Protein backbone atom coordinates (compact mmCIF):
# COMPACT_ATOMS: atom_id res chain seq x y z
CA MET A 1 74.39 80.29 179.53
CA THR A 2 71.51 79.42 177.22
CA SER A 3 70.70 75.73 176.90
CA LYS A 4 71.34 74.12 173.52
CA THR A 5 68.01 72.28 173.57
CA PRO A 6 65.13 73.98 171.76
CA TYR A 7 62.69 72.24 174.08
CA ARG A 8 62.32 74.82 176.84
CA PHE A 9 58.85 75.20 178.32
CA VAL A 10 57.56 77.48 181.06
CA PHE A 11 54.29 76.57 182.77
CA ALA A 12 52.15 78.99 184.76
CA GLY A 13 48.93 78.31 186.58
CA GLY A 14 47.90 77.19 190.02
CA GLY A 15 46.22 78.33 193.17
CA THR A 16 44.08 75.18 193.07
CA GLY A 17 44.59 71.62 191.91
CA GLY A 18 42.11 72.24 189.11
CA HIS A 19 44.51 74.69 187.48
CA LEU A 20 47.73 72.91 188.44
CA TYR A 21 47.21 69.23 187.61
CA PRO A 22 46.33 69.70 183.92
CA ALA A 23 49.58 71.63 183.49
CA LEU A 24 51.51 68.89 185.27
CA ALA A 25 49.91 66.31 182.98
CA VAL A 26 51.10 68.13 179.87
CA ALA A 27 54.58 68.61 181.34
CA GLN A 28 54.80 64.88 182.09
CA GLN A 29 53.89 64.05 178.50
CA ILE A 30 56.50 66.46 177.15
CA GLN A 31 59.06 64.82 179.41
CA ILE A 32 58.14 61.38 178.07
CA MET A 33 58.27 62.49 174.43
CA LYS A 34 61.36 64.70 174.77
CA PRO A 35 63.46 63.59 177.79
CA GLU A 36 65.96 66.37 177.07
CA ALA A 37 63.28 69.05 177.52
CA GLU A 38 63.79 71.74 180.15
CA ILE A 39 60.61 72.52 182.06
CA LEU A 40 60.05 75.31 184.55
CA PHE A 41 56.92 75.99 186.59
CA VAL A 42 56.22 79.48 187.93
CA GLY A 43 53.63 80.06 190.62
CA ALA A 44 52.78 81.60 193.96
CA ASN A 45 54.89 80.55 196.92
CA SER A 46 51.93 80.17 199.28
CA LYS A 47 49.75 78.02 197.03
CA ILE A 48 49.45 74.35 196.14
CA GLU A 49 51.94 74.59 193.26
CA SER A 50 54.84 75.41 195.59
CA ARG A 51 54.29 72.11 197.43
CA VAL A 52 53.25 69.79 194.61
CA VAL A 53 55.48 70.80 191.66
CA PRO A 54 58.76 69.81 193.42
CA GLU A 55 57.20 66.42 194.24
CA TYR A 56 56.89 65.87 190.47
CA LYS A 57 60.59 66.71 190.09
CA PHE A 58 60.05 69.87 188.02
CA ASP A 59 61.88 73.12 188.69
CA PHE A 60 59.80 75.80 190.38
CA LYS A 61 60.17 79.55 190.83
CA SER A 62 57.75 81.83 192.65
CA ILE A 63 56.44 85.31 192.03
CA TRP A 64 54.65 87.68 194.42
CA ILE A 65 51.22 87.65 192.76
CA SER A 66 48.01 86.92 194.65
CA GLY A 67 44.39 86.97 193.59
CA PHE A 68 41.93 89.84 193.46
CA SER A 69 39.06 89.18 195.84
CA ARG A 70 35.50 89.69 194.61
CA LYS A 71 34.74 91.06 198.08
CA LEU A 72 36.05 94.40 199.27
CA ASN A 73 39.11 93.97 201.45
CA LEU A 74 42.41 95.70 202.20
CA GLY A 75 44.35 93.03 200.31
CA ASN A 76 42.87 94.28 197.04
CA LEU A 77 44.68 97.60 197.52
CA LEU A 78 47.98 95.74 197.11
CA PHE A 79 46.90 93.96 193.94
CA PRO A 80 48.18 96.56 191.42
CA ILE A 81 51.54 96.66 193.20
CA LYS A 82 51.80 92.88 193.31
CA LEU A 83 50.84 92.64 189.65
CA PHE A 84 53.54 95.15 188.66
CA VAL A 85 56.21 93.42 190.76
CA SER A 86 55.16 90.00 189.46
CA ALA A 87 55.42 91.24 185.87
CA ILE A 88 59.00 92.41 186.52
CA GLN A 89 59.84 89.12 188.27
CA SER A 90 58.33 87.16 185.37
CA LEU A 91 60.37 89.13 182.82
CA GLY A 92 63.51 88.31 184.78
CA ILE A 93 62.66 84.61 185.05
CA CYS A 94 61.77 84.30 181.36
CA PHE A 95 64.80 86.33 180.22
CA SER A 96 67.04 83.93 182.14
CA PHE A 97 65.23 80.71 181.16
CA LYS A 98 64.41 81.73 177.55
CA PRO A 99 61.34 79.52 177.04
CA ARG A 100 60.32 78.70 173.50
CA VAL A 101 56.78 77.84 174.60
CA ALA A 102 54.70 79.14 177.51
CA VAL A 103 51.75 77.11 178.75
CA GLY A 104 49.16 78.86 180.89
CA SER A 105 46.55 76.82 182.74
CA GLY A 106 44.53 79.67 184.22
CA ALA A 107 44.30 81.56 187.54
CA TYR A 108 45.81 84.92 188.32
CA VAL A 109 49.39 83.63 188.49
CA SER A 110 49.41 82.78 184.79
CA GLY A 111 48.85 86.40 183.72
CA PRO A 112 52.26 88.02 184.29
CA VAL A 113 54.22 84.88 183.37
CA ILE A 114 52.48 84.29 180.04
CA TRP A 115 52.65 88.01 179.24
CA ALA A 116 56.41 88.10 179.96
CA ALA A 117 57.12 84.96 177.93
CA SER A 118 55.17 86.29 174.95
CA VAL A 119 56.98 89.65 175.09
CA LEU A 120 60.25 87.71 174.82
CA GLY A 121 59.03 85.77 171.78
CA ALA A 122 57.66 82.52 173.18
CA LYS A 123 54.72 80.78 171.59
CA VAL A 124 51.70 80.61 173.93
CA ILE A 125 49.32 77.73 174.65
CA LEU A 126 46.41 78.24 177.04
CA LEU A 127 44.50 75.46 178.80
CA GLU A 128 40.91 76.18 179.80
CA GLN A 129 39.43 73.56 182.10
CA ASN A 130 36.01 75.09 182.78
CA SER A 131 32.93 75.62 180.65
CA TYR A 132 32.99 79.31 181.62
CA PRO A 133 36.58 80.54 181.00
CA GLY A 134 38.45 82.33 183.73
CA VAL A 135 39.44 86.00 183.62
CA ALA A 136 43.13 85.26 183.06
CA ASN A 137 42.58 83.17 179.93
CA ARG A 138 40.09 85.62 178.47
CA MET A 139 42.59 88.45 178.97
CA LEU A 140 45.45 86.42 177.51
CA GLU A 141 43.54 85.34 174.41
CA LYS A 142 45.34 87.82 172.13
CA LYS A 143 48.72 86.45 173.23
CA ALA A 144 47.75 82.83 172.58
CA ASN A 145 48.66 80.75 169.54
CA GLU A 146 46.34 77.95 170.66
CA ILE A 147 43.66 77.61 173.33
CA HIS A 148 42.79 74.06 174.36
CA LEU A 149 39.29 73.68 175.79
CA THR A 150 37.65 70.99 177.86
CA PHE A 151 34.07 71.88 176.92
CA GLU A 152 32.53 72.77 173.56
CA GLU A 153 30.38 75.48 175.18
CA SER A 154 33.51 77.46 176.13
CA LYS A 155 33.95 78.53 172.51
CA LYS A 156 31.37 81.31 172.67
CA TYR A 157 33.44 83.23 175.24
CA PHE A 158 36.45 83.69 172.95
CA ARG A 159 36.70 86.03 169.96
CA ASP A 160 39.17 84.21 167.70
CA GLN A 161 37.65 80.82 166.97
CA SER A 162 40.64 79.77 164.86
CA LYS A 163 42.77 79.39 168.00
CA LEU A 164 40.34 77.04 169.74
CA LYS A 165 40.65 73.26 170.03
CA VAL A 166 38.31 71.09 172.12
CA THR A 167 40.93 68.68 173.39
CA GLY A 168 39.68 67.68 176.83
CA ASN A 169 41.24 68.09 180.26
CA PRO A 170 44.74 66.56 180.54
CA ILE A 171 45.18 63.62 182.93
CA ARG A 172 48.40 62.92 184.84
CA VAL A 173 50.31 59.94 183.44
CA ASN A 174 50.68 58.32 186.86
CA LEU A 175 46.92 58.26 187.51
CA LYS A 176 45.77 54.65 187.27
CA LEU A 177 43.71 52.07 189.13
CA ALA A 178 45.42 49.34 191.13
CA ASP A 179 44.12 46.32 193.04
CA LYS A 180 41.17 47.50 195.16
CA SER A 181 41.86 45.21 198.12
CA SER A 182 45.50 46.26 198.34
CA ALA A 183 44.55 49.93 198.01
CA LYS A 184 42.10 49.65 200.90
CA LYS A 185 44.77 48.01 203.03
CA SER A 186 47.15 50.89 202.22
CA PHE A 187 44.69 53.19 204.04
CA ALA A 188 44.40 50.68 206.92
CA LEU A 189 40.82 49.91 205.90
CA ASN A 190 38.97 46.58 205.79
CA PRO A 191 39.15 45.15 202.24
CA ALA A 192 35.81 43.39 202.75
CA GLN A 193 33.87 46.61 203.35
CA LYS A 194 32.80 49.32 200.92
CA VAL A 195 34.70 52.65 200.78
CA LEU A 196 33.36 56.14 200.06
CA LEU A 197 35.98 58.60 198.83
CA ILE A 198 35.16 62.23 199.63
CA ILE A 199 37.09 64.99 197.84
CA GLY A 200 35.87 68.56 198.03
CA GLY A 201 38.68 69.97 195.89
CA SER A 202 42.22 70.78 197.01
CA GLY A 203 40.92 73.54 199.29
CA GLY A 204 38.09 71.53 200.79
CA ALA A 205 34.35 72.22 200.78
CA ARG A 206 32.64 73.46 203.93
CA SER A 207 29.13 72.19 203.08
CA ILE A 208 30.38 68.71 202.17
CA ASN A 209 32.55 68.52 205.29
CA GLN A 210 29.61 69.49 207.49
CA ALA A 211 27.39 66.86 205.87
CA VAL A 212 30.04 64.17 206.29
CA ALA A 213 30.61 65.06 209.95
CA ARG A 214 26.90 64.84 210.72
CA ASN A 215 26.53 61.50 208.97
CA ILE A 216 29.67 59.59 210.02
CA LYS A 217 27.67 57.46 212.43
CA GLY A 218 25.09 56.59 209.77
CA LEU A 219 27.80 55.64 207.28
CA ASN A 220 29.58 53.39 209.78
CA GLU A 221 26.29 51.75 210.83
CA ASN A 222 25.78 50.81 207.19
CA GLY A 223 29.26 49.30 206.93
CA ILE A 224 30.62 52.14 204.80
CA GLN A 225 34.24 53.16 205.33
CA VAL A 226 35.41 56.67 204.45
CA ILE A 227 38.51 58.29 202.98
CA TRP A 228 37.90 61.98 203.58
CA GLN A 229 39.95 64.84 202.16
CA THR A 230 38.86 67.84 204.21
CA GLY A 231 41.17 70.47 202.75
CA GLN A 232 43.97 72.04 204.81
CA PHE A 233 41.77 74.85 206.16
CA TYR A 234 39.22 72.43 207.65
CA PHE A 235 41.48 69.59 208.80
CA ASP A 236 41.92 70.65 212.43
CA GLN A 237 38.14 70.96 212.79
CA TYR A 238 37.47 67.36 211.71
CA LYS A 239 40.61 65.33 212.42
CA ASN A 240 39.19 64.10 215.74
CA LEU A 241 36.52 62.16 213.78
CA GLU A 242 39.11 59.70 212.45
CA ASN A 243 38.69 56.09 213.55
CA ASP A 244 39.31 52.61 212.18
CA SER A 245 36.64 53.13 209.49
CA VAL A 246 37.18 56.82 208.76
CA LYS A 247 40.48 58.19 207.47
CA VAL A 248 40.66 61.99 207.67
CA MET A 249 43.41 63.91 205.86
CA PRO A 250 43.94 67.50 204.73
CA PHE A 251 45.17 66.55 201.26
CA ILE A 252 45.54 63.25 199.43
CA ARG A 253 48.85 63.05 197.61
CA ASP A 254 48.39 59.60 196.09
CA MET A 255 45.09 59.97 194.26
CA SER A 256 45.65 56.71 192.36
CA ALA A 257 45.57 54.82 195.66
CA ALA A 258 42.51 56.75 196.87
CA TYR A 259 40.57 56.19 193.66
CA SER A 260 41.59 52.52 193.63
CA ALA A 261 40.33 52.01 197.17
CA SER A 262 36.97 53.65 196.53
CA ASP A 263 33.70 51.99 195.58
CA VAL A 264 31.93 55.33 195.19
CA VAL A 265 33.32 58.88 194.94
CA LEU A 266 31.56 61.98 196.28
CA ALA A 267 33.13 65.18 194.99
CA ARG A 268 32.79 68.70 193.72
CA ALA A 269 32.25 68.91 189.96
CA GLY A 270 35.48 70.64 189.04
CA ALA A 271 36.81 69.92 185.56
CA THR A 272 39.86 68.00 186.78
CA THR A 273 37.78 65.73 189.01
CA ILE A 274 35.33 65.13 186.16
CA ALA A 275 38.20 64.24 183.83
CA GLU A 276 39.80 61.88 186.36
CA VAL A 277 36.68 59.94 187.37
CA SER A 278 35.62 59.70 183.71
CA PHE A 279 39.03 58.36 182.71
CA LEU A 280 39.01 55.83 185.57
CA THR A 281 35.29 55.04 185.05
CA LEU A 282 34.23 55.45 188.68
CA PRO A 283 30.68 55.78 190.06
CA VAL A 284 30.42 59.33 191.36
CA ILE A 285 28.05 61.61 193.24
CA PHE A 286 28.67 65.24 192.31
CA VAL A 287 27.96 68.08 194.73
CA PRO A 288 28.74 71.12 192.56
CA SER A 289 30.16 74.23 194.17
CA PRO A 290 27.76 77.18 194.03
CA ASN A 291 30.69 79.61 194.38
CA VAL A 292 32.01 79.47 190.82
CA ALA A 293 31.60 81.70 187.78
CA ALA A 294 28.40 81.17 185.76
CA ASN A 295 27.48 78.21 187.98
CA HIS A 296 29.57 76.05 185.62
CA GLN A 297 30.06 73.15 188.06
CA TYR A 298 26.31 72.63 188.36
CA LEU A 299 25.87 72.80 184.59
CA ASN A 300 28.65 70.26 184.06
CA ALA A 301 27.25 67.87 186.68
CA LYS A 302 23.68 68.29 185.40
CA ALA A 303 24.77 67.30 181.89
CA MET A 304 26.37 64.15 183.28
CA LYS A 305 23.31 63.35 185.40
CA GLU A 306 21.10 63.72 182.33
CA SER A 307 23.39 61.32 180.47
CA ASN A 308 22.94 58.82 183.32
CA ALA A 309 26.68 59.04 184.03
CA ALA A 310 26.64 60.41 187.59
CA GLU A 311 24.43 61.21 190.55
CA LEU A 312 23.85 64.84 191.49
CA ILE A 313 23.16 66.55 194.82
CA GLU A 314 22.78 70.31 194.80
CA ASP A 315 24.94 72.02 197.40
CA LYS A 316 21.90 73.51 199.17
CA ASN A 317 20.50 69.98 199.64
CA VAL A 318 23.67 68.15 200.61
CA GLU A 319 22.89 67.86 204.33
CA ALA A 320 19.46 66.31 203.73
CA GLU A 321 20.34 64.12 200.75
CA PHE A 322 23.88 63.02 201.59
CA LEU A 323 23.14 59.84 203.53
CA PRO A 324 20.18 58.48 201.51
CA VAL A 325 21.92 59.05 198.15
CA VAL A 326 25.20 57.52 199.36
CA ASN A 327 23.43 54.52 200.93
CA GLU A 328 21.36 53.90 197.80
CA LEU A 329 24.31 53.98 195.40
CA MET A 330 26.59 52.00 197.70
CA SER A 331 24.04 49.18 197.94
CA ASN A 332 23.09 49.18 194.24
CA GLU A 333 25.87 47.54 192.24
CA VAL A 334 23.75 47.43 189.09
CA ARG A 335 23.44 51.23 189.25
CA GLN A 336 27.17 51.55 189.88
CA GLU A 337 27.98 49.55 186.76
CA LYS A 338 25.58 51.65 184.69
CA LEU A 339 27.21 54.88 185.85
CA LYS A 340 30.69 53.49 185.20
CA LYS A 341 29.77 52.49 181.66
CA ASN A 342 28.20 55.85 180.83
CA ILE A 343 30.83 58.08 182.44
CA SER A 344 33.50 56.51 180.25
CA GLU A 345 31.91 58.36 177.31
CA PHE A 346 33.13 61.65 178.83
CA ALA A 347 36.77 60.53 178.99
CA LYS A 348 39.39 62.04 176.70
CA PRO A 349 42.53 60.12 177.68
CA LEU A 350 44.73 61.55 174.90
CA ALA A 351 44.29 65.23 175.85
CA ALA A 352 47.70 65.63 177.52
CA LYS A 353 49.48 63.90 174.62
CA VAL A 354 47.76 66.09 172.00
CA ILE A 355 48.68 69.30 173.83
CA ALA A 356 52.24 68.12 174.44
CA GLU A 357 52.69 67.36 170.76
CA SER A 358 51.47 70.84 169.91
CA ALA A 359 53.87 72.43 172.42
CA ILE A 360 56.78 70.44 171.01
CA ASN A 361 55.88 71.46 167.45
CA PHE A 362 55.85 75.13 168.48
CA ALA A 363 59.25 74.75 170.14
CA GLU A 364 60.68 73.29 166.93
CA MET A 365 59.32 76.18 164.85
CA LEU A 366 61.36 78.92 166.54
């Protein structure tokens, strides 16, 4: 039976937190503005979305899709089959759910879902988090009614400029700073000592993890405590390094608590992390991933460094520069305050609300 509400939205995108969390932020805003809205997320069963979406109390359905590796491997031979099956699954899901609006936030999983929803008459909104747009969003451009960008420089990669809006990267509504002392205690850390938060993305970052492991002793000798998200793949390798001053975990579910506890953040320069630390005005050291299209993380971090809004360590230098850069920023509160003031200029706190309003308006048009 078809729902009577016109506010039916399907969201597709995941694989990493960078693609998932912006979509969740928009869904949360829709839920606030239209509590009667029906929202469905579609993703891969083996990826982050299958674990996180149910925690946010949204419905979730999975399709068989998986990514196409840039390296030659046997898994790529299955890609055309998986894509075909996922397209059929997506048609079935969308035919049953009857979305009025489909929101794609990038990654391979968004392709078949957004295609299926558009075939069945849904309006399409795409979210592009990175300065260099992903393959999925570039391929789906013709299906889109609007494409919301995080960076101005993304415009040159799309043909139809009339669809483009530089809105910023959506931030989850529950992301906020709390009392620092209480937050430190929640991680069983000493409130009187400084805390370094290390986040290498939802999948972890090998180079950062190696640098942290080699410098744990130096950090502790300088009175620096650590909250360290290793990523699930690396957790078993580093979990034995946990002690009273070092908290090691595969994935941090309560990022508000982690950000609140931190005095300095060291992280990859993914668009979601940039949006979050800018919104919360935190002093940050970026270590951009070199394994991304068009080196966009480095370019993003370099722009912030040049605006005196963040520190920057290139990935190839992270082992040598990790400890001196961390020690210098941790001990320099004047520098921290300068970075916090300047990084706030990069924040776009209304992005999720603007996109949600647009999605609601499209739903009311049909």
